[in-house]
Amino acid sequence: GPVHATIVVVEYAGSVSTSRVGGVSVGDAVLGRFTYDTLA
């Protein structure tokens, strides 16, 4: 059966380079996550 993986999960870290949102400033730490299915 299809034992290969298809869902890619990416967790990332970075910093704000531009902001026009209150409470968020340049240099603030950013954490996040995104996923997608390679066989879609």
ModelCIF file with pLDDT and N, C-alpha, C, O atoms, coordinates in Angstrom:
data_MODEL
#
_entry.id   MODEL 
#
_entity.id                         1 
_entity.type                       polymer 
_entity.pdbx_number_of_molecules   1 
#
_entity_poly.entity_id                      1 
_entity_poly.type                           'polypeptide(L)' 
_entity_poly.nstd_linkage                   no 
_entity_poly.nstd_monomer                   no 
_entity_poly.pdbx_seq_one_letter_code       GPVHATIVVVEYAGSVSTSRVGGVSVGDAVLGRFTYDTLA 
_entity_poly.pdbx_seq_one_letter_code_can   GPVHATIVVVEYAGSVSTSRVGGVSVGDAVLGRFTYDTLA 
_entity_poly.pdbx_strand_id                 A 
#
loop_
_entity_poly_seq.entity_id 
_entity_poly_seq.num 
_entity_poly_seq.mon_id 
_entity_poly_seq.hetero 
1 1  GLY n 
1 2  PRO n 
1 3  VAL n 
1 4  HIS n 
1 5  ALA n 
1 6  THR n 
1 7  ILE n 
1 8  VAL n 
1 9  VAL n 
1 10 VAL n 
1 11 GLU n 
1 12 TYR n 
1 13 ALA n 
1 14 GLY n 
1 15 SER n 
1 16 VAL n 
1 17 SER n 
1 18 THR n 
1 19 SER n 
1 20 ARG n 
1 21 VAL n 
1 22 GLY n 
1 23 GLY n 
1 24 VAL n 
1 25 SER n 
1 26 VAL n 
1 27 GLY n 
1 28 ASP n 
1 29 ALA n 
1 30 VAL n 
1 31 LEU n 
1 32 GLY n 
1 33 ARG n 
1 34 PHE n 
1 35 THR n 
1 36 TYR n 
1 37 ASP n 
1 38 THR n 
1 39 LEU n 
1 40 ALA n 
#
_struct_asym.id          A 
_struct_asym.entity_id   1 
#
loop_
_ma_qa_metric.id 
_ma_qa_metric.mode 
_ma_qa_metric.name 
_ma_qa_metric.software_group_id 
_ma_qa_metric.type 
1 global pLDDT . pLDDT 
2 local  pLDDT . pLDDT 
#
_ma_qa_metric_global.metric_id      1 
_ma_qa_metric_global.metric_value   84.80 
_ma_qa_metric_global.model_id       1 
_ma_qa_metric_global.ordinal_id     1 
#
loop_
_ma_qa_metric_local.label_asym_id 
_ma_qa_metric_local.label_comp_id 
_ma_qa_metric_local.label_seq_id 
_ma_qa_metric_local.metric_id 
_ma_qa_metric_local.metric_value 
_ma_qa_metric_local.model_id 
_ma_qa_metric_local.ordinal_id 
A GLY 1  2 48.00 1 1  
A PRO 2  2 47.00 1 2  
A VAL 3  2 46.00 1 3  
A HIS 4  2 54.00 1 4  
A ALA 5  2 52.00 1 5  
A THR 6  2 85.00 1 6  
A ILE 7  2 93.00 1 7  
A VAL 8  2 93.00 1 8  
A VAL 9  2 94.00 1 9  
A VAL 10 2 91.00 1 10 
A GLU 11 2 93.00 1 11 
A TYR 12 2 89.00 1 12 
A ALA 13 2 91.00 1 13 
A GLY 14 2 89.00 1 14 
A SER 15 2 90.00 1 15 
A VAL 16 2 90.00 1 16 
A SER 17 2 88.00 1 17 
A THR 18 2 86.00 1 18 
A SER 19 2 86.00 1 19 
A ARG 20 2 83.00 1 20 
A VAL 21 2 82.00 1 21 
A GLY 22 2 81.00 1 22 
A GLY 23 2 85.00 1 23 
A VAL 24 2 88.00 1 24 
A SER 25 2 92.00 1 25 
A VAL 26 2 93.00 1 26 
A GLY 27 2 94.00 1 27 
A ASP 28 2 94.00 1 28 
A ALA 29 2 94.00 1 29 
A VAL 30 2 91.00 1 30 
A LEU 31 2 93.00 1 31 
A GLY 32 2 91.00 1 32 
A ARG 33 2 93.00 1 33 
A PHE 34 2 92.00 1 34 
A THR 35 2 94.00 1 35 
A TYR 36 2 93.00 1 36 
A ASP 37 2 91.00 1 37 
A THR 38 2 88.00 1 38 
A LEU 39 2 87.00 1 39 
A ALA 40 2 88.00 1 40 
#
loop_
_atom_site.group_PDB 
_atom_site.id 
_atom_site.type_symbol 
_atom_site.label_atom_id 
_atom_site.label_alt_id 
_atom_site.label_comp_id 
_atom_site.label_asym_id 
_atom_site.label_entity_id 
_atom_site.label_seq_id 
_atom_site.pdbx_PDB_ins_code 
_atom_site.Cartn_x 
_atom_site.Cartn_y 
_atom_site.Cartn_z 
_atom_site.occupancy 
_atom_site.B_iso_or_equiv 
_atom_site.pdbx_formal_charge 
_atom_site.auth_seq_id 
_atom_site.auth_comp_id 
_atom_site.auth_asym_id 
_atom_site.auth_atom_id 
_atom_site.pdbx_PDB_model_num 
ATOM 1   N N  . GLY A 1 1  ? 0.814  -1.208 0.000  1.00 48.00 ? 1  GLY A N  1 
ATOM 2   C CA . GLY A 1 1  ? 0.000  0.000  0.000  1.00 48.00 ? 1  GLY A CA 1 
ATOM 3   C C  . GLY A 1 1  ? 0.845  1.254  0.000  1.00 48.00 ? 1  GLY A C  1 
ATOM 4   O O  . GLY A 1 1  ? 2.074  1.189  0.030  1.00 48.00 ? 1  GLY A O  1 
ATOM 5   N N  . PRO A 1 2  ? 0.167  2.415  -0.035 1.00 47.00 ? 2  PRO A N  1 
ATOM 6   C CA . PRO A 1 2  ? 0.862  3.704  -0.111 1.00 47.00 ? 2  PRO A CA 1 
ATOM 7   C C  . PRO A 1 2  ? 1.466  4.108  1.221  1.00 47.00 ? 2  PRO A C  1 
ATOM 8   O O  . PRO A 1 2  ? 0.887  4.894  1.970  1.00 47.00 ? 2  PRO A O  1 
ATOM 9   N N  . VAL A 1 3  ? 2.656  3.551  1.510  1.00 46.00 ? 3  VAL A N  1 
ATOM 10  C CA . VAL A 1 3  ? 3.280  3.806  2.801  1.00 46.00 ? 3  VAL A CA 1 
ATOM 11  C C  . VAL A 1 3  ? 4.120  5.076  2.790  1.00 46.00 ? 3  VAL A C  1 
ATOM 12  O O  . VAL A 1 3  ? 4.623  5.491  3.834  1.00 46.00 ? 3  VAL A O  1 
ATOM 13  N N  . HIS A 1 4  ? 4.281  5.712  1.603  1.00 54.00 ? 4  HIS A N  1 
ATOM 14  C CA . HIS A 1 4  ? 5.069  6.925  1.533  1.00 54.00 ? 4  HIS A CA 1 
ATOM 15  C C  . HIS A 1 4  ? 4.317  8.084  2.181  1.00 54.00 ? 4  HIS A C  1 
ATOM 16  O O  . HIS A 1 4  ? 3.087  8.104  2.228  1.00 54.00 ? 4  HIS A O  1 
ATOM 17  N N  . ALA A 1 5  ? 5.083  9.037  2.672  1.00 52.00 ? 5  ALA A N  1 
ATOM 18  C CA . ALA A 1 5  ? 4.470  10.208 3.290  1.00 52.00 ? 5  ALA A CA 1 
ATOM 19  C C  . ALA A 1 5  ? 4.007  11.183 2.225  1.00 52.00 ? 5  ALA A C  1 
ATOM 20  O O  . ALA A 1 5  ? 4.634  11.309 1.172  1.00 52.00 ? 5  ALA A O  1 
ATOM 21  N N  . THR A 1 6  ? 2.910  11.870 2.499  1.00 85.00 ? 6  THR A N  1 
ATOM 22  C CA . THR A 1 6  ? 2.422  12.858 1.544  1.00 85.00 ? 6  THR A CA 1 
ATOM 23  C C  . THR A 1 6  ? 2.259  14.240 2.174  1.00 85.00 ? 6  THR A C  1 
ATOM 24  O O  . THR A 1 6  ? 2.326  15.247 1.469  1.00 85.00 ? 6  THR A O  1 
ATOM 25  N N  . ILE A 1 7  ? 2.051  14.304 3.463  1.00 93.00 ? 7  ILE A N  1 
ATOM 26  C CA . ILE A 1 7  ? 1.822  15.586 4.108  1.00 93.00 ? 7  ILE A CA 1 
ATOM 27  C C  . ILE A 1 7  ? 3.148  16.176 4.581  1.00 93.00 ? 7  ILE A C  1 
ATOM 28  O O  . ILE A 1 7  ? 3.843  15.581 5.405  1.00 93.00 ? 7  ILE A O  1 
ATOM 29  N N  . VAL A 1 8  ? 3.493  17.354 4.049  1.00 93.00 ? 8  VAL A N  1 
ATOM 30  C CA . VAL A 1 8  ? 4.705  18.050 4.464  1.00 93.00 ? 8  VAL A CA 1 
ATOM 31  C C  . VAL A 1 8  ? 4.340  19.085 5.516  1.00 93.00 ? 8  VAL A C  1 
ATOM 32  O O  . VAL A 1 8  ? 3.433  19.894 5.318  1.00 93.00 ? 8  VAL A O  1 
ATOM 33  N N  . VAL A 1 9  ? 5.050  19.056 6.630  1.00 94.00 ? 9  VAL A N  1 
ATOM 34  C CA . VAL A 1 9  ? 4.809  19.986 7.732  1.00 94.00 ? 9  VAL A CA 1 
ATOM 35  C C  . VAL A 1 9  ? 6.060  20.838 7.931  1.00 94.00 ? 9  VAL A C  1 
ATOM 36  O O  . VAL A 1 9  ? 7.153  20.305 8.123  1.00 94.00 ? 9  VAL A O  1 
ATOM 37  N N  . VAL A 1 10 ? 5.901  22.143 7.886  1.00 91.00 ? 10 VAL A N  1 
ATOM 38  C CA . VAL A 1 10 ? 7.017  23.061 8.054  1.00 91.00 ? 10 VAL A CA 1 
ATOM 39  C C  . VAL A 1 10 ? 6.748  23.978 9.248  1.00 91.00 ? 10 VAL A C  1 
ATOM 40  O O  . VAL A 1 10 ? 5.741  24.685 9.287  1.00 91.00 ? 10 VAL A O  1 
ATOM 41  N N  . GLU A 1 11 ? 7.653  23.955 10.210 1.00 93.00 ? 11 GLU A N  1 
ATOM 42  C CA . GLU A 1 11 ? 7.589  24.883 11.334 1.00 93.00 ? 11 GLU A CA 1 
ATOM 43  C C  . GLU A 1 11 ? 8.720  25.883 11.162 1.00 93.00 ? 11 GLU A C  1 
ATOM 44  O O  . GLU A 1 11 ? 9.853  25.497 10.871 1.00 93.00 ? 11 GLU A O  1 
ATOM 45  N N  . TYR A 1 12 ? 8.427  27.150 11.338 1.00 89.00 ? 12 TYR A N  1 
ATOM 46  C CA . TYR A 1 12 ? 9.425  28.163 11.021 1.00 89.00 ? 12 TYR A CA 1 
ATOM 47  C C  . TYR A 1 12 ? 9.558  29.210 12.121 1.00 89.00 ? 12 TYR A C  1 
ATOM 48  O O  . TYR A 1 12 ? 8.669  29.381 12.955 1.00 89.00 ? 12 TYR A O  1 
ATOM 49  N N  . ALA A 1 13 ? 10.687 29.902 12.100 1.00 91.00 ? 13 ALA A N  1 
ATOM 50  C CA . ALA A 1 13 ? 10.952 30.997 13.030 1.00 91.00 ? 13 ALA A CA 1 
ATOM 51  C C  . ALA A 1 13 ? 11.626 32.113 12.256 1.00 91.00 ? 13 ALA A C  1 
ATOM 52  O O  . ALA A 1 13 ? 12.395 31.859 11.328 1.00 91.00 ? 13 ALA A O  1 
ATOM 53  N N  . GLY A 1 14 ? 11.342 33.336 12.633 1.00 89.00 ? 14 GLY A N  1 
ATOM 54  C CA . GLY A 1 14 ? 11.936 34.469 11.943 1.00 89.00 ? 14 GLY A CA 1 
ATOM 55  C C  . GLY A 1 14 ? 11.705 35.753 12.703 1.00 89.00 ? 14 GLY A C  1 
ATOM 56  O O  . GLY A 1 14 ? 11.514 35.741 13.919 1.00 89.00 ? 14 GLY A O  1 
ATOM 57  N N  . SER A 1 15 ? 11.723 36.864 11.984 1.00 90.00 ? 15 SER A N  1 
ATOM 58  C CA . SER A 1 15 ? 11.531 38.163 12.629 1.00 90.00 ? 15 SER A CA 1 
ATOM 59  C C  . SER A 1 15 ? 10.771 39.102 11.701 1.00 90.00 ? 15 SER A C  1 
ATOM 60  O O  . SER A 1 15 ? 10.836 38.972 10.478 1.00 90.00 ? 15 SER A O  1 
ATOM 61  N N  . VAL A 1 16 ? 10.058 40.041 12.292 1.00 90.00 ? 16 VAL A N  1 
ATOM 62  C CA . VAL A 1 16 ? 9.266  41.000 11.535 1.00 90.00 ? 16 VAL A CA 1 
ATOM 63  C C  . VAL A 1 16 ? 10.192 41.985 10.827 1.00 90.00 ? 16 VAL A C  1 
ATOM 64  O O  . VAL A 1 16 ? 11.071 42.576 11.455 1.00 90.00 ? 16 VAL A O  1 
ATOM 65  N N  . SER A 1 17 ? 9.996  42.162 9.520  1.00 88.00 ? 17 SER A N  1 
ATOM 66  C CA . SER A 1 17 ? 10.793 43.126 8.759  1.00 88.00 ? 17 SER A CA 1 
ATOM 67  C C  . SER A 1 17 ? 10.022 44.420 8.506  1.00 88.00 ? 17 SER A C  1 
ATOM 68  O O  . SER A 1 17 ? 10.619 45.491 8.392  1.00 88.00 ? 17 SER A O  1 
ATOM 69  N N  . THR A 1 18 ? 8.703  44.321 8.418  1.00 86.00 ? 18 THR A N  1 
ATOM 70  C CA . THR A 1 18 ? 7.852  45.490 8.228  1.00 86.00 ? 18 THR A CA 1 
ATOM 71  C C  . THR A 1 18 ? 6.545  45.281 8.977  1.00 86.00 ? 18 THR A C  1 
ATOM 72  O O  . THR A 1 18 ? 5.998  44.179 8.953  1.00 86.00 ? 18 THR A O  1 
ATOM 73  N N  . SER A 1 19 ? 6.041  46.292 9.629  1.00 86.00 ? 19 SER A N  1 
ATOM 74  C CA . SER A 1 19 ? 4.778  46.152 10.340 1.00 86.00 ? 19 SER A CA 1 
ATOM 75  C C  . SER A 1 19 ? 3.970  47.436 10.315 1.00 86.00 ? 19 SER A C  1 
ATOM 76  O O  . SER A 1 19 ? 4.486  48.528 10.553 1.00 86.00 ? 19 SER A O  1 
ATOM 77  N N  . ARG A 1 20 ? 2.678  47.272 10.018 1.00 83.00 ? 20 ARG A N  1 
ATOM 78  C CA . ARG A 1 20 ? 1.734  48.361 10.145 1.00 83.00 ? 20 ARG A CA 1 
ATOM 79  C C  . ARG A 1 20 ? 0.559  47.899 11.005 1.00 83.00 ? 20 ARG A C  1 
ATOM 80  O O  . ARG A 1 20 ? -0.570 48.365 10.848 1.00 83.00 ? 20 ARG A O  1 
ATOM 81  N N  . VAL A 1 21 ? 0.854  46.970 11.919 1.00 82.00 ? 21 VAL A N  1 
ATOM 82  C CA . VAL A 1 21 ? -0.154 46.418 12.823 1.00 82.00 ? 21 VAL A CA 1 
ATOM 83  C C  . VAL A 1 21 ? 0.200  46.797 14.252 1.00 82.00 ? 21 VAL A C  1 
ATOM 84  O O  . VAL A 1 21 ? 1.339  46.615 14.682 1.00 82.00 ? 21 VAL A O  1 
ATOM 85  N N  . GLY A 1 22 ? -0.757 47.316 14.977 1.00 81.00 ? 22 GLY A N  1 
ATOM 86  C CA . GLY A 1 22 ? -0.514 47.686 16.358 1.00 81.00 ? 22 GLY A CA 1 
ATOM 87  C C  . GLY A 1 22 ? -0.114 46.498 17.206 1.00 81.00 ? 22 GLY A C  1 
ATOM 88  O O  . GLY A 1 22 ? -0.707 45.424 17.097 1.00 81.00 ? 22 GLY A O  1 
ATOM 89  N N  . GLY A 1 23 ? 0.896  46.685 18.058 1.00 85.00 ? 23 GLY A N  1 
ATOM 90  C CA . GLY A 1 23 ? 1.369  45.601 18.908 1.00 85.00 ? 23 GLY A CA 1 
ATOM 91  C C  . GLY A 1 23 ? 2.424  44.745 18.263 1.00 85.00 ? 23 GLY A C  1 
ATOM 92  O O  . GLY A 1 23 ? 2.948  43.829 18.899 1.00 85.00 ? 23 GLY A O  1 
ATOM 93  N N  . VAL A 1 24 ? 2.756  45.020 17.002 1.00 88.00 ? 24 VAL A N  1 
ATOM 94  C CA . VAL A 1 24 ? 3.791  44.270 16.294 1.00 88.00 ? 24 VAL A CA 1 
ATOM 95  C C  . VAL A 1 24 ? 4.829  45.254 15.766 1.00 88.00 ? 24 VAL A C  1 
ATOM 96  O O  . VAL A 1 24 ? 4.491  46.202 15.057 1.00 88.00 ? 24 VAL A O  1 
ATOM 97  N N  . SER A 1 25 ? 6.109  45.021 16.120 1.00 92.00 ? 25 SER A N  1 
ATOM 98  C CA . SER A 1 25 ? 7.179  45.941 15.718 1.00 92.00 ? 25 SER A CA 1 
ATOM 99  C C  . SER A 1 25 ? 8.259  45.212 14.928 1.00 92.00 ? 25 SER A C  1 
ATOM 100 O O  . SER A 1 25 ? 8.392  43.992 15.022 1.00 92.00 ? 25 SER A O  1 
ATOM 101 N N  . VAL A 1 26 ? 9.019  45.958 14.159 1.00 93.00 ? 26 VAL A N  1 
ATOM 102 C CA . VAL A 1 26 ? 10.141 45.399 13.412 1.00 93.00 ? 26 VAL A CA 1 
ATOM 103 C C  . VAL A 1 26 ? 11.115 44.738 14.385 1.00 93.00 ? 26 VAL A C  1 
ATOM 104 O O  . VAL A 1 26 ? 11.473 45.321 15.408 1.00 93.00 ? 26 VAL A O  1 
ATOM 105 N N  . GLY A 1 27 ? 11.538 43.528 14.062 1.00 94.00 ? 27 GLY A N  1 
ATOM 106 C CA . GLY A 1 27 ? 12.456 42.787 14.918 1.00 94.00 ? 27 GLY A CA 1 
ATOM 107 C C  . GLY A 1 27 ? 11.770 41.805 15.843 1.00 94.00 ? 27 GLY A C  1 
ATOM 108 O O  . GLY A 1 27 ? 12.429 40.941 16.420 1.00 94.00 ? 27 GLY A O  1 
ATOM 109 N N  . ASP A 1 28 ? 10.447 41.918 15.998 1.00 94.00 ? 28 ASP A N  1 
ATOM 110 C CA . ASP A 1 28 ? 9.725  40.983 16.864 1.00 94.00 ? 28 ASP A CA 1 
ATOM 111 C C  . ASP A 1 28 ? 9.834  39.562 16.313 1.00 94.00 ? 28 ASP A C  1 
ATOM 112 O O  . ASP A 1 28 ? 9.866  39.344 15.102 1.00 94.00 ? 28 ASP A O  1 
ATOM 113 N N  . ALA A 1 29 ? 9.890  38.602 17.238 1.00 94.00 ? 29 ALA A N  1 
ATOM 114 C CA . ALA A 1 29 ? 10.013 37.197 16.843 1.00 94.00 ? 29 ALA A CA 1 
ATOM 115 C C  . ALA A 1 29 ? 8.713  36.678 16.238 1.00 94.00 ? 29 ALA A C  1 
ATOM 116 O O  . ALA A 1 29 ? 7.617  37.007 16.693 1.00 94.00 ? 29 ALA A O  1 
ATOM 117 N N  . VAL A 1 30 ? 8.864  35.863 15.208 1.00 91.00 ? 30 VAL A N  1 
ATOM 118 C CA . VAL A 1 30 ? 7.733  35.252 14.515 1.00 91.00 ? 30 VAL A CA 1 
ATOM 119 C C  . VAL A 1 30 ? 7.871  33.737 14.587 1.00 91.00 ? 30 VAL A C  1 
ATOM 120 O O  . VAL A 1 30 ? 8.942  33.194 14.314 1.00 91.00 ? 30 VAL A O  1 
ATOM 121 N N  . LEU A 1 31 ? 6.801  33.063 14.949 1.00 93.00 ? 31 LEU A N  1 
ATOM 122 C CA . LEU A 1 31 ? 6.756  31.605 14.942 1.00 93.00 ? 31 LEU A CA 1 
ATOM 123 C C  . LEU A 1 31 ? 5.548  31.178 14.116 1.00 93.00 ? 31 LEU A C  1 
ATOM 124 O O  . LEU A 1 31 ? 4.514  31.845 14.135 1.00 93.00 ? 31 LEU A O  1 
ATOM 125 N N  . GLY A 1 32 ? 5.676  30.084 13.401 1.00 91.00 ? 32 GLY A N  1 
ATOM 126 C CA . GLY A 1 32 ? 4.543  29.659 12.600 1.00 91.00 ? 32 GLY A CA 1 
ATOM 127 C C  . GLY A 1 32 ? 4.678  28.252 12.068 1.00 91.00 ? 32 GLY A C  1 
ATOM 128 O O  . GLY A 1 32 ? 5.631  27.534 12.371 1.00 91.00 ? 32 GLY A O  1 
ATOM 129 N N  . ARG A 1 33 ? 3.692  27.875 11.262 1.00 93.00 ? 33 ARG A N  1 
ATOM 130 C CA . ARG A 1 33 ? 3.611  26.508 10.763 1.00 93.00 ? 33 ARG A CA 1 
ATOM 131 C C  . ARG A 1 33 ? 2.782  26.509 9.485  1.00 93.00 ? 33 ARG A C  1 
ATOM 132 O O  . ARG A 1 33 ? 1.804  27.248 9.381  1.00 93.00 ? 33 ARG A O  1 
ATOM 133 N N  . PHE A 1 34 ? 3.167  25.685 8.512  1.00 92.00 ? 34 PHE A N  1 
ATOM 134 C CA . PHE A 1 34 ? 2.284  25.472 7.381  1.00 92.00 ? 34 PHE A CA 1 
ATOM 135 C C  . PHE A 1 34 ? 2.390  24.040 6.891  1.00 92.00 ? 34 PHE A C  1 
ATOM 136 O O  . PHE A 1 34 ? 3.419  23.389 7.073  1.00 92.00 ? 34 PHE A O  1 
ATOM 137 N N  . THR A 1 35 ? 1.337  23.555 6.274  1.00 94.00 ? 35 THR A N  1 
ATOM 138 C CA . THR A 1 35 ? 1.288  22.175 5.795  1.00 94.00 ? 35 THR A CA 1 
ATOM 139 C C  . THR A 1 35 ? 0.688  22.135 4.396  1.00 94.00 ? 35 THR A C  1 
ATOM 140 O O  . THR A 1 35 ? -0.061 23.027 4.000  1.00 94.00 ? 35 THR A O  1 
ATOM 141 N N  . TYR A 1 36 ? 1.033  21.078 3.651  1.00 93.00 ? 36 TYR A N  1 
ATOM 142 C CA . TYR A 1 36 ? 0.400  20.847 2.357  1.00 93.00 ? 36 TYR A CA 1 
ATOM 143 C C  . TYR A 1 36 ? 0.574  19.383 1.977  1.00 93.00 ? 36 TYR A C  1 
ATOM 144 O O  . TYR A 1 36 ? 1.441  18.693 2.513  1.00 93.00 ? 36 TYR A O  1 
ATOM 145 N N  . ASP A 1 37 ? -0.254 18.917 1.052  1.00 91.00 ? 37 ASP A N  1 
ATOM 146 C CA . ASP A 1 37 ? -0.242 17.531 0.599  1.00 91.00 ? 37 ASP A CA 1 
ATOM 147 C C  . ASP A 1 37 ? 0.454  17.457 -0.752 1.00 91.00 ? 37 ASP A C  1 
ATOM 148 O O  . ASP A 1 37 ? -0.016 18.054 -1.721 1.00 91.00 ? 37 ASP A O  1 
ATOM 149 N N  . THR A 1 38 ? 1.559  16.740 -0.831 1.00 88.00 ? 38 THR A N  1 
ATOM 150 C CA . THR A 1 38 ? 2.328  16.677 -2.074 1.00 88.00 ? 38 THR A CA 1 
ATOM 151 C C  . THR A 1 38 ? 1.597  15.924 -3.178 1.00 88.00 ? 38 THR A C  1 
ATOM 152 O O  . THR A 1 38 ? 1.967  16.039 -4.346 1.00 88.00 ? 38 THR A O  1 
ATOM 153 N N  . LEU A 1 39 ? 0.575  15.160 -2.833 1.00 87.00 ? 39 LEU A N  1 
ATOM 154 C CA . LEU A 1 39 ? -0.150 14.389 -3.839 1.00 87.00 ? 39 LEU A CA 1 
ATOM 155 C C  . LEU A 1 39 ? -1.501 14.999 -4.195 1.00 87.00 ? 39 LEU A C  1 
ATOM 156 O O  . LEU A 1 39 ? -2.332 14.337 -4.818 1.00 87.00 ? 39 LEU A O  1 
ATOM 157 N N  . ALA A 1 40 ? -1.730 16.252 -3.809 1.00 88.00 ? 40 ALA A N  1 
ATOM 158 C CA . ALA A 1 40 ? -2.973 16.918 -4.169 1.00 88.00 ? 40 ALA A CA 1 
ATOM 159 C C  . ALA A 1 40 ? -3.059 17.063 -5.688 1.00 88.00 ? 40 ALA A C  1 
ATOM 160 O O  . ALA A 1 40 ? -4.038 17.603 -6.203 1.00 88.00 ? 40 ALA A O  1 
#
